[in-house]
Amino acid sequence: MGVLPNDIVLRPRFQMELTGLKEHYLEAFEKSNQKPFVVTRVDDHVFIKFNKKEVHFWSPQLHLELVQLDEKNCRLHGLFGPNPMLWTFFMFLHFGVATLFIILAIWAYSSAILDQPYGIQVGLMVLMVVLWIAFYVFGRLGKRQGRPQMQRLYEYMMKVLL
């Protein structure tokens, strides 16, 4: 199944055109709670995740949004992602590394202008780049580890839609 392309994104997205009213599909998801999945609906959004027994550190969840296009058609937008707390922490780490990189760059520039040694700052900037790459690789490995569960979420979603 080619739902999850092997490209550079950490949070794969997709969309589908569906025939019918969005309420029909939203209600189908509400009624579909079946183990090991936990389905939650908030307005036009549906969140599908695994129950606590099946969850591991890299377990994904599927966020769906249904948008009514006209009287007969709607569009489903899907987004695979990690646990929101994990994603927030991951983004916090990226932001922290970027902030430190900028601070070190300003410090290195100031030292260079004042004819002071700036090798330590440049070395730390290189370390920040290495850390950023390590975070990215760590995220890719996590995505690969969560891929089987992503496929299960997608298959479950398709089963409910049909």
N, C-alpha and C. Protein backbone atom coordinates (compact mmCIF):
# COMPACT_ATOMS: atom_id res chain seq x y z
N MET A 1 0.86 -1.18 0.00
CA MET A 1 0.00 0.00 0.00
C MET A 1 0.90 1.23 0.00
N GLY A 2 0.70 2.16 -0.89
CA GLY A 2 1.57 3.31 -1.03
C GLY A 2 1.09 4.56 -0.32
N VAL A 3 0.43 4.43 0.80
CA VAL A 3 -0.11 5.60 1.48
C VAL A 3 0.99 6.46 2.09
N LEU A 4 2.08 5.84 2.52
CA LEU A 4 3.13 6.57 3.21
C LEU A 4 4.37 6.65 2.34
N PRO A 5 4.52 7.72 1.58
CA PRO A 5 5.68 7.82 0.70
C PRO A 5 6.96 7.93 1.52
N ASN A 6 8.03 7.43 0.97
CA ASN A 6 9.31 7.47 1.66
C ASN A 6 10.03 8.75 1.27
N ASP A 7 9.50 9.86 1.74
CA ASP A 7 10.14 11.14 1.45
C ASP A 7 10.60 11.78 2.74
N ILE A 8 10.91 13.06 2.70
CA ILE A 8 11.60 13.70 3.79
C ILE A 8 10.69 14.15 4.94
N VAL A 9 9.38 14.10 4.79
CA VAL A 9 8.48 14.60 5.82
C VAL A 9 8.41 13.64 7.01
N LEU A 10 8.33 14.24 8.20
CA LEU A 10 8.20 13.44 9.41
C LEU A 10 6.73 13.20 9.75
N ARG A 11 5.85 14.07 9.28
CA ARG A 11 4.42 13.95 9.58
C ARG A 11 3.66 13.86 8.25
N PRO A 12 3.51 12.65 7.71
CA PRO A 12 2.87 12.48 6.39
C PRO A 12 1.42 12.96 6.38
N ARG A 13 1.05 13.58 5.28
CA ARG A 13 -0.31 14.09 5.07
C ARG A 13 -0.90 13.45 3.83
N PHE A 14 -2.22 13.40 3.79
CA PHE A 14 -2.90 12.92 2.60
C PHE A 14 -4.29 13.54 2.58
N GLN A 15 -4.95 13.45 1.43
CA GLN A 15 -6.34 13.88 1.33
C GLN A 15 -7.09 13.01 0.34
N MET A 16 -8.40 12.92 0.55
CA MET A 16 -9.26 12.10 -0.30
C MET A 16 -10.56 12.83 -0.55
N GLU A 17 -11.07 12.63 -1.75
CA GLU A 17 -12.41 13.12 -2.07
C GLU A 17 -13.40 12.01 -1.74
N LEU A 18 -14.45 12.34 -1.01
CA LEU A 18 -15.47 11.36 -0.64
C LEU A 18 -16.83 11.80 -1.15
N THR A 19 -17.65 10.84 -1.51
CA THR A 19 -19.00 11.13 -1.96
C THR A 19 -19.94 11.01 -0.77
N GLY A 20 -20.70 12.04 -0.52
CA GLY A 20 -21.64 12.02 0.60
C GLY A 20 -21.41 13.19 1.53
N LEU A 21 -22.25 13.24 2.56
CA LEU A 21 -22.15 14.31 3.55
C LEU A 21 -21.09 13.97 4.59
N LYS A 22 -20.39 14.99 5.05
CA LYS A 22 -19.34 14.75 6.04
C LYS A 22 -19.92 14.18 7.33
N GLU A 23 -21.14 14.57 7.69
CA GLU A 23 -21.76 14.07 8.93
C GLU A 23 -21.89 12.54 8.91
N HIS A 24 -22.19 12.00 7.74
CA HIS A 24 -22.29 10.55 7.60
C HIS A 24 -20.97 9.88 8.01
N TYR A 25 -19.86 10.41 7.52
CA TYR A 25 -18.55 9.84 7.82
C TYR A 25 -18.15 10.10 9.28
N LEU A 26 -18.45 11.30 9.78
CA LEU A 26 -18.13 11.62 11.16
C LEU A 26 -18.86 10.68 12.12
N GLU A 27 -20.13 10.42 11.84
CA GLU A 27 -20.91 9.51 12.68
C GLU A 27 -20.38 8.08 12.57
N ALA A 28 -19.95 7.70 11.38
CA ALA A 28 -19.38 6.35 11.21
C ALA A 28 -18.13 6.19 12.08
N PHE A 29 -17.31 7.22 12.16
CA PHE A 29 -16.12 7.14 13.01
C PHE A 29 -16.51 7.10 14.49
N GLU A 30 -17.51 7.89 14.87
CA GLU A 30 -17.96 7.89 16.26
C GLU A 30 -18.44 6.51 16.71
N LYS A 31 -19.13 5.82 15.83
CA LYS A 31 -19.69 4.50 16.15
C LYS A 31 -18.67 3.37 16.01
N SER A 32 -17.49 3.67 15.49
CA SER A 32 -16.56 2.61 15.10
C SER A 32 -15.54 2.23 16.17
N ASN A 33 -15.61 2.79 17.34
CA ASN A 33 -14.62 2.46 18.38
C ASN A 33 -14.45 0.95 18.51
N GLN A 34 -13.29 0.48 18.14
CA GLN A 34 -13.04 -0.96 18.16
C GLN A 34 -11.58 -1.17 18.54
N LYS A 35 -11.32 -2.12 19.42
CA LYS A 35 -9.96 -2.36 19.89
C LYS A 35 -9.07 -2.78 18.74
N PRO A 36 -7.83 -2.36 18.73
CA PRO A 36 -7.07 -1.62 19.71
C PRO A 36 -7.11 -0.11 19.50
N PHE A 37 -8.09 0.38 18.77
CA PHE A 37 -8.14 1.80 18.42
C PHE A 37 -9.04 2.58 19.37
N VAL A 38 -8.66 3.83 19.58
CA VAL A 38 -9.47 4.76 20.35
C VAL A 38 -9.79 5.92 19.40
N VAL A 39 -11.09 6.14 19.18
CA VAL A 39 -11.53 7.18 18.24
C VAL A 39 -12.18 8.30 19.05
N THR A 40 -11.73 9.52 18.78
CA THR A 40 -12.28 10.70 19.44
C THR A 40 -12.71 11.70 18.37
N ARG A 41 -13.88 12.27 18.55
CA ARG A 41 -14.37 13.27 17.59
C ARG A 41 -14.53 14.61 18.30
N VAL A 42 -14.04 15.67 17.66
CA VAL A 42 -14.23 17.04 18.13
C VAL A 42 -14.64 17.85 16.90
N ASP A 43 -15.91 18.24 16.86
CA ASP A 43 -16.48 18.97 15.71
C ASP A 43 -16.24 18.17 14.42
N ASP A 44 -15.51 18.74 13.48
CA ASP A 44 -15.26 18.07 12.19
C ASP A 44 -13.94 17.31 12.18
N HIS A 45 -13.34 17.13 13.35
CA HIS A 45 -12.05 16.47 13.47
C HIS A 45 -12.21 15.12 14.15
N VAL A 46 -11.47 14.14 13.66
CA VAL A 46 -11.48 12.79 14.23
C VAL A 46 -10.02 12.43 14.54
N PHE A 47 -9.80 11.93 15.75
CA PHE A 47 -8.47 11.50 16.16
C PHE A 47 -8.53 10.00 16.41
N ILE A 48 -7.66 9.26 15.74
CA ILE A 48 -7.60 7.81 15.92
C ILE A 48 -6.21 7.49 16.46
N LYS A 49 -6.19 6.81 17.59
CA LYS A 49 -4.92 6.39 18.17
C LYS A 49 -5.08 4.99 18.75
N PHE A 50 -3.99 4.46 19.23
CA PHE A 50 -4.00 3.12 19.81
C PHE A 50 -4.28 3.21 21.31
N ASN A 51 -4.91 2.14 21.85
CA ASN A 51 -5.16 2.12 23.29
C ASN A 51 -3.83 1.97 24.02
N LYS A 52 -3.85 2.19 25.32
CA LYS A 52 -2.62 2.21 26.13
C LYS A 52 -1.83 0.91 26.04
N LYS A 53 -2.52 -0.20 25.85
CA LYS A 53 -1.85 -1.49 25.79
C LYS A 53 -0.94 -1.61 24.56
N GLU A 54 -1.33 -0.95 23.46
CA GLU A 54 -0.59 -1.04 22.19
C GLU A 54 0.43 0.07 21.99
N VAL A 55 0.41 1.09 22.84
CA VAL A 55 1.22 2.29 22.62
C VAL A 55 2.67 2.06 23.04
N HIS A 56 3.59 2.50 22.19
CA HIS A 56 5.00 2.58 22.55
C HIS A 56 5.45 4.02 22.29
N PHE A 57 6.72 4.31 22.58
CA PHE A 57 7.22 5.69 22.51
C PHE A 57 6.93 6.35 21.16
N TRP A 58 7.06 5.61 20.07
CA TRP A 58 6.91 6.17 18.73
C TRP A 58 5.53 5.92 18.12
N SER A 59 4.56 5.51 18.90
CA SER A 59 3.23 5.23 18.35
C SER A 59 2.63 6.48 17.72
N PRO A 60 2.16 6.35 16.48
CA PRO A 60 1.54 7.50 15.81
C PRO A 60 0.07 7.62 16.16
N GLN A 61 -0.50 8.73 15.78
CA GLN A 61 -1.94 8.89 15.80
C GLN A 61 -2.34 9.49 14.47
N LEU A 62 -3.59 9.33 14.12
CA LEU A 62 -4.10 9.84 12.85
C LEU A 62 -5.14 10.90 13.13
N HIS A 63 -4.90 12.09 12.58
CA HIS A 63 -5.83 13.21 12.73
C HIS A 63 -6.53 13.41 11.39
N LEU A 64 -7.85 13.33 11.41
CA LEU A 64 -8.64 13.50 10.19
C LEU A 64 -9.51 14.74 10.34
N GLU A 65 -9.65 15.48 9.25
CA GLU A 65 -10.59 16.60 9.20
C GLU A 65 -11.44 16.44 7.96
N LEU A 66 -12.75 16.55 8.14
CA LEU A 66 -13.67 16.43 7.01
C LEU A 66 -14.23 17.81 6.69
N VAL A 67 -14.19 18.17 5.41
CA VAL A 67 -14.68 19.46 4.94
C VAL A 67 -15.72 19.21 3.86
N GLN A 68 -16.91 19.79 4.03
CA GLN A 68 -17.97 19.64 3.03
C GLN A 68 -17.66 20.55 1.85
N LEU A 69 -17.60 19.99 0.63
CA LEU A 69 -17.31 20.77 -0.57
C LEU A 69 -18.59 21.29 -1.22
N ASP A 70 -19.59 20.43 -1.33
CA ASP A 70 -20.90 20.80 -1.86
C ASP A 70 -21.92 19.82 -1.28
N GLU A 71 -23.13 19.78 -1.82
CA GLU A 71 -24.18 18.94 -1.26
C GLU A 71 -23.87 17.45 -1.36
N LYS A 72 -23.00 17.07 -2.30
CA LYS A 72 -22.77 15.65 -2.55
C LYS A 72 -21.35 15.17 -2.26
N ASN A 73 -20.44 16.07 -1.99
CA ASN A 73 -19.04 15.68 -1.86
C ASN A 73 -18.39 16.35 -0.66
N CYS A 74 -17.43 15.64 -0.09
CA CYS A 74 -16.62 16.23 0.98
C CYS A 74 -15.17 15.78 0.78
N ARG A 75 -14.29 16.43 1.49
CA ARG A 75 -12.86 16.11 1.39
C ARG A 75 -12.36 15.73 2.77
N LEU A 76 -11.56 14.69 2.81
CA LEU A 76 -10.94 14.24 4.05
C LEU A 76 -9.46 14.62 4.00
N HIS A 77 -9.01 15.33 5.02
CA HIS A 77 -7.59 15.67 5.17
C HIS A 77 -7.05 14.82 6.31
N GLY A 78 -5.97 14.10 6.07
CA GLY A 78 -5.38 13.23 7.08
C GLY A 78 -3.96 13.64 7.40
N LEU A 79 -3.59 13.49 8.66
CA LEU A 79 -2.24 13.83 9.11
C LEU A 79 -1.80 12.78 10.13
N PHE A 80 -0.72 12.08 9.82
CA PHE A 80 -0.12 11.16 10.77
C PHE A 80 0.89 11.94 11.59
N GLY A 81 0.89 11.69 12.88
CA GLY A 81 1.87 12.36 13.73
C GLY A 81 2.07 11.60 15.02
N PRO A 82 3.12 11.96 15.73
CA PRO A 82 3.37 11.31 17.02
C PRO A 82 2.42 11.87 18.08
N ASN A 83 2.52 11.34 19.25
CA ASN A 83 1.79 11.87 20.39
C ASN A 83 2.05 13.37 20.46
N PRO A 84 1.02 14.20 20.67
CA PRO A 84 1.22 15.65 20.68
C PRO A 84 2.25 16.13 21.70
N MET A 85 2.32 15.48 22.86
CA MET A 85 3.32 15.89 23.86
C MET A 85 4.73 15.59 23.35
N LEU A 86 4.91 14.44 22.71
CA LEU A 86 6.21 14.09 22.14
C LEU A 86 6.59 15.08 21.04
N TRP A 87 5.63 15.40 20.18
CA TRP A 87 5.90 16.33 19.08
C TRP A 87 6.28 17.72 19.62
N THR A 88 5.58 18.18 20.66
CA THR A 88 5.88 19.49 21.26
C THR A 88 7.28 19.49 21.85
N PHE A 89 7.64 18.42 22.55
CA PHE A 89 8.98 18.32 23.12
C PHE A 89 10.04 18.30 22.02
N PHE A 90 9.78 17.55 20.96
CA PHE A 90 10.69 17.45 19.84
C PHE A 90 10.91 18.84 19.20
N MET A 91 9.83 19.59 19.02
CA MET A 91 9.93 20.93 18.45
C MET A 91 10.65 21.88 19.41
N PHE A 92 10.42 21.72 20.71
CA PHE A 92 11.12 22.53 21.71
C PHE A 92 12.63 22.31 21.59
N LEU A 93 13.05 21.05 21.44
CA LEU A 93 14.48 20.77 21.28
C LEU A 93 15.05 21.43 20.03
N HIS A 94 14.32 21.36 18.93
CA HIS A 94 14.77 22.01 17.68
C HIS A 94 14.87 23.53 17.87
N PHE A 95 13.87 24.11 18.52
CA PHE A 95 13.88 25.55 18.76
C PHE A 95 15.07 25.93 19.66
N GLY A 96 15.33 25.12 20.69
CA GLY A 96 16.45 25.39 21.59
C GLY A 96 17.78 25.34 20.86
N VAL A 97 17.96 24.35 20.00
CA VAL A 97 19.21 24.24 19.24
C VAL A 97 19.35 25.44 18.29
N ALA A 98 18.28 25.83 17.62
CA ALA A 98 18.33 26.98 16.71
C ALA A 98 18.65 28.26 17.48
N THR A 99 18.05 28.44 18.63
CA THR A 99 18.31 29.64 19.44
C THR A 99 19.77 29.68 19.89
N LEU A 100 20.28 28.55 20.38
CA LEU A 100 21.69 28.50 20.78
C LEU A 100 22.62 28.78 19.60
N PHE A 101 22.26 28.26 18.43
CA PHE A 101 23.07 28.49 17.24
C PHE A 101 23.15 29.99 16.94
N ILE A 102 22.02 30.68 17.00
CA ILE A 102 21.98 32.12 16.71
C ILE A 102 22.79 32.89 17.75
N ILE A 103 22.63 32.53 19.02
CA ILE A 103 23.38 33.20 20.09
C ILE A 103 24.88 33.00 19.88
N LEU A 104 25.28 31.78 19.56
CA LEU A 104 26.70 31.50 19.32
C LEU A 104 27.21 32.24 18.09
N ALA A 105 26.38 32.36 17.05
CA ALA A 105 26.79 33.10 15.85
C ALA A 105 27.01 34.58 16.17
N ILE A 106 26.12 35.16 16.96
CA ILE A 106 26.29 36.57 17.35
C ILE A 106 27.55 36.74 18.20
N TRP A 107 27.76 35.81 19.12
CA TRP A 107 28.95 35.85 19.98
C TRP A 107 30.22 35.71 19.14
N ALA A 108 30.22 34.78 18.18
CA ALA A 108 31.39 34.58 17.32
C ALA A 108 31.64 35.82 16.46
N TYR A 109 30.58 36.40 15.92
CA TYR A 109 30.73 37.61 15.10
C TYR A 109 31.30 38.76 15.93
N SER A 110 30.77 38.93 17.14
CA SER A 110 31.26 40.00 18.02
C SER A 110 32.73 39.78 18.36
N SER A 111 33.09 38.55 18.66
CA SER A 111 34.50 38.25 18.98
C SER A 111 35.39 38.51 17.77
N ALA A 112 34.93 38.15 16.57
CA ALA A 112 35.73 38.36 15.37
C ALA A 112 35.93 39.85 15.10
N ILE A 113 34.87 40.65 15.28
CA ILE A 113 34.97 42.09 15.06
C ILE A 113 35.93 42.73 16.05
N LEU A 114 35.97 42.20 17.28
CA LEU A 114 36.83 42.74 18.33
C LEU A 114 38.22 42.11 18.33
N ASP A 115 38.53 41.34 17.28
CA ASP A 115 39.80 40.64 17.16
C ASP A 115 40.10 39.74 18.35
N GLN A 116 39.06 39.09 18.85
CA GLN A 116 39.19 38.11 19.94
C GLN A 116 39.08 36.71 19.33
N PRO A 117 39.62 35.72 20.01
CA PRO A 117 39.48 34.34 19.49
C PRO A 117 38.00 33.92 19.49
N TYR A 118 37.60 33.22 18.45
CA TYR A 118 36.20 32.80 18.35
C TYR A 118 36.07 31.33 17.93
N GLY A 119 37.11 30.58 18.09
CA GLY A 119 37.11 29.16 17.72
C GLY A 119 36.13 28.33 18.53
N ILE A 120 36.01 28.63 19.83
CA ILE A 120 35.09 27.88 20.69
C ILE A 120 33.65 28.08 20.21
N GLN A 121 33.30 29.32 19.89
CA GLN A 121 31.94 29.60 19.43
C GLN A 121 31.63 28.87 18.12
N VAL A 122 32.58 28.88 17.19
CA VAL A 122 32.37 28.20 15.92
C VAL A 122 32.27 26.69 16.15
N GLY A 123 33.11 26.17 17.04
CA GLY A 123 33.03 24.75 17.36
C GLY A 123 31.68 24.37 17.95
N LEU A 124 31.17 25.23 18.85
CA LEU A 124 29.85 24.97 19.43
C LEU A 124 28.74 25.11 18.39
N MET A 125 28.92 26.02 17.42
CA MET A 125 27.93 26.15 16.34
C MET A 125 27.90 24.87 15.52
N VAL A 126 29.07 24.30 15.24
CA VAL A 126 29.13 23.03 14.51
C VAL A 126 28.44 21.94 15.33
N LEU A 127 28.65 21.96 16.65
CA LEU A 127 27.99 20.99 17.52
C LEU A 127 26.46 21.14 17.45
N MET A 128 25.96 22.38 17.36
CA MET A 128 24.52 22.61 17.24
C MET A 128 23.98 22.03 15.94
N VAL A 129 24.74 22.18 14.86
CA VAL A 129 24.33 21.61 13.58
C VAL A 129 24.30 20.08 13.67
N VAL A 130 25.32 19.50 14.30
CA VAL A 130 25.36 18.04 14.48
C VAL A 130 24.17 17.58 15.33
N LEU A 131 23.85 18.33 16.41
CA LEU A 131 22.69 17.99 17.24
C LEU A 131 21.40 18.05 16.44
N TRP A 132 21.26 19.09 15.61
CA TRP A 132 20.05 19.22 14.80
C TRP A 132 19.92 18.03 13.85
N ILE A 133 21.02 17.64 13.23
CA ILE A 133 20.99 16.48 12.33
C ILE A 133 20.66 15.21 13.12
N ALA A 134 21.21 15.09 14.32
CA ALA A 134 20.92 13.92 15.16
C ALA A 134 19.43 13.88 15.52
N PHE A 135 18.83 15.02 15.85
CA PHE A 135 17.40 15.06 16.14
C PHE A 135 16.59 14.63 14.92
N TYR A 136 17.00 15.09 13.75
CA TYR A 136 16.29 14.74 12.53
C TYR A 136 16.38 13.23 12.28
N VAL A 137 17.59 12.67 12.41
CA VAL A 137 17.78 11.23 12.20
C VAL A 137 16.97 10.45 13.23
N PHE A 138 16.97 10.92 14.48
CA PHE A 138 16.20 10.28 15.55
C PHE A 138 14.70 10.27 15.18
N GLY A 139 14.21 11.39 14.63
CA GLY A 139 12.82 11.47 14.19
C GLY A 139 12.52 10.52 13.04
N ARG A 140 13.42 10.42 12.10
CA ARG A 140 13.23 9.49 10.97
C ARG A 140 13.21 8.04 11.44
N LEU A 141 14.09 7.71 12.39
CA LEU A 141 14.09 6.35 12.93
C LEU A 141 12.79 6.06 13.67
N GLY A 142 12.29 7.06 14.39
CA GLY A 142 11.01 6.90 15.08
C GLY A 142 9.87 6.72 14.11
N LYS A 143 9.90 7.47 13.01
CA LYS A 143 8.87 7.30 11.98
C LYS A 143 8.91 5.89 11.41
N ARG A 144 10.11 5.39 11.17
CA ARG A 144 10.23 4.03 10.63
C ARG A 144 9.70 3.01 11.63
N GLN A 145 9.98 3.24 12.92
CA GLN A 145 9.50 2.30 13.93
C GLN A 145 7.98 2.37 14.06
N GLY A 146 7.39 3.53 13.81
CA GLY A 146 5.94 3.69 13.90
C GLY A 146 5.20 3.35 12.62
N ARG A 147 5.92 3.08 11.54
CA ARG A 147 5.30 2.82 10.23
C ARG A 147 4.29 1.68 10.24
N PRO A 148 4.57 0.55 10.88
CA PRO A 148 3.55 -0.52 10.88
C PRO A 148 2.24 -0.06 11.53
N GLN A 149 2.34 0.72 12.60
CA GLN A 149 1.12 1.21 13.23
C GLN A 149 0.44 2.26 12.36
N MET A 150 1.22 3.03 11.61
CA MET A 150 0.61 3.99 10.68
C MET A 150 -0.22 3.25 9.64
N GLN A 151 0.32 2.15 9.14
CA GLN A 151 -0.41 1.35 8.15
C GLN A 151 -1.70 0.80 8.76
N ARG A 152 -1.63 0.34 10.01
CA ARG A 152 -2.83 -0.18 10.67
C ARG A 152 -3.87 0.91 10.86
N LEU A 153 -3.44 2.11 11.23
CA LEU A 153 -4.37 3.24 11.37
C LEU A 153 -5.04 3.55 10.04
N TYR A 154 -4.24 3.56 8.98
CA TYR A 154 -4.77 3.87 7.65
C TYR A 154 -5.78 2.80 7.21
N GLU A 155 -5.43 1.53 7.44
CA GLU A 155 -6.35 0.44 7.06
C GLU A 155 -7.66 0.52 7.85
N TYR A 156 -7.56 0.86 9.12
CA TYR A 156 -8.76 1.00 9.95
C TYR A 156 -9.63 2.15 9.44
N MET A 157 -8.98 3.27 9.10
CA MET A 157 -9.71 4.41 8.56
C MET A 157 -10.44 4.03 7.28
N MET A 158 -9.76 3.31 6.39
CA MET A 158 -10.39 2.91 5.13
C MET A 158 -11.56 1.96 5.38
N LYS A 159 -11.42 1.07 6.36
CA LYS A 159 -12.49 0.14 6.69
C LYS A 159 -13.73 0.91 7.18
N VAL A 160 -13.54 1.95 7.97
CA VAL A 160 -14.67 2.75 8.47
C VAL A 160 -15.30 3.55 7.33
N LEU A 161 -14.49 4.06 6.42
CA LEU A 161 -15.01 4.88 5.32
C LEU A 161 -15.81 4.06 4.33
N LEU A 162 -15.49 2.79 4.17
CA LEU A 162 -16.19 1.96 3.17
C LEU A 162 -17.32 1.26 3.79
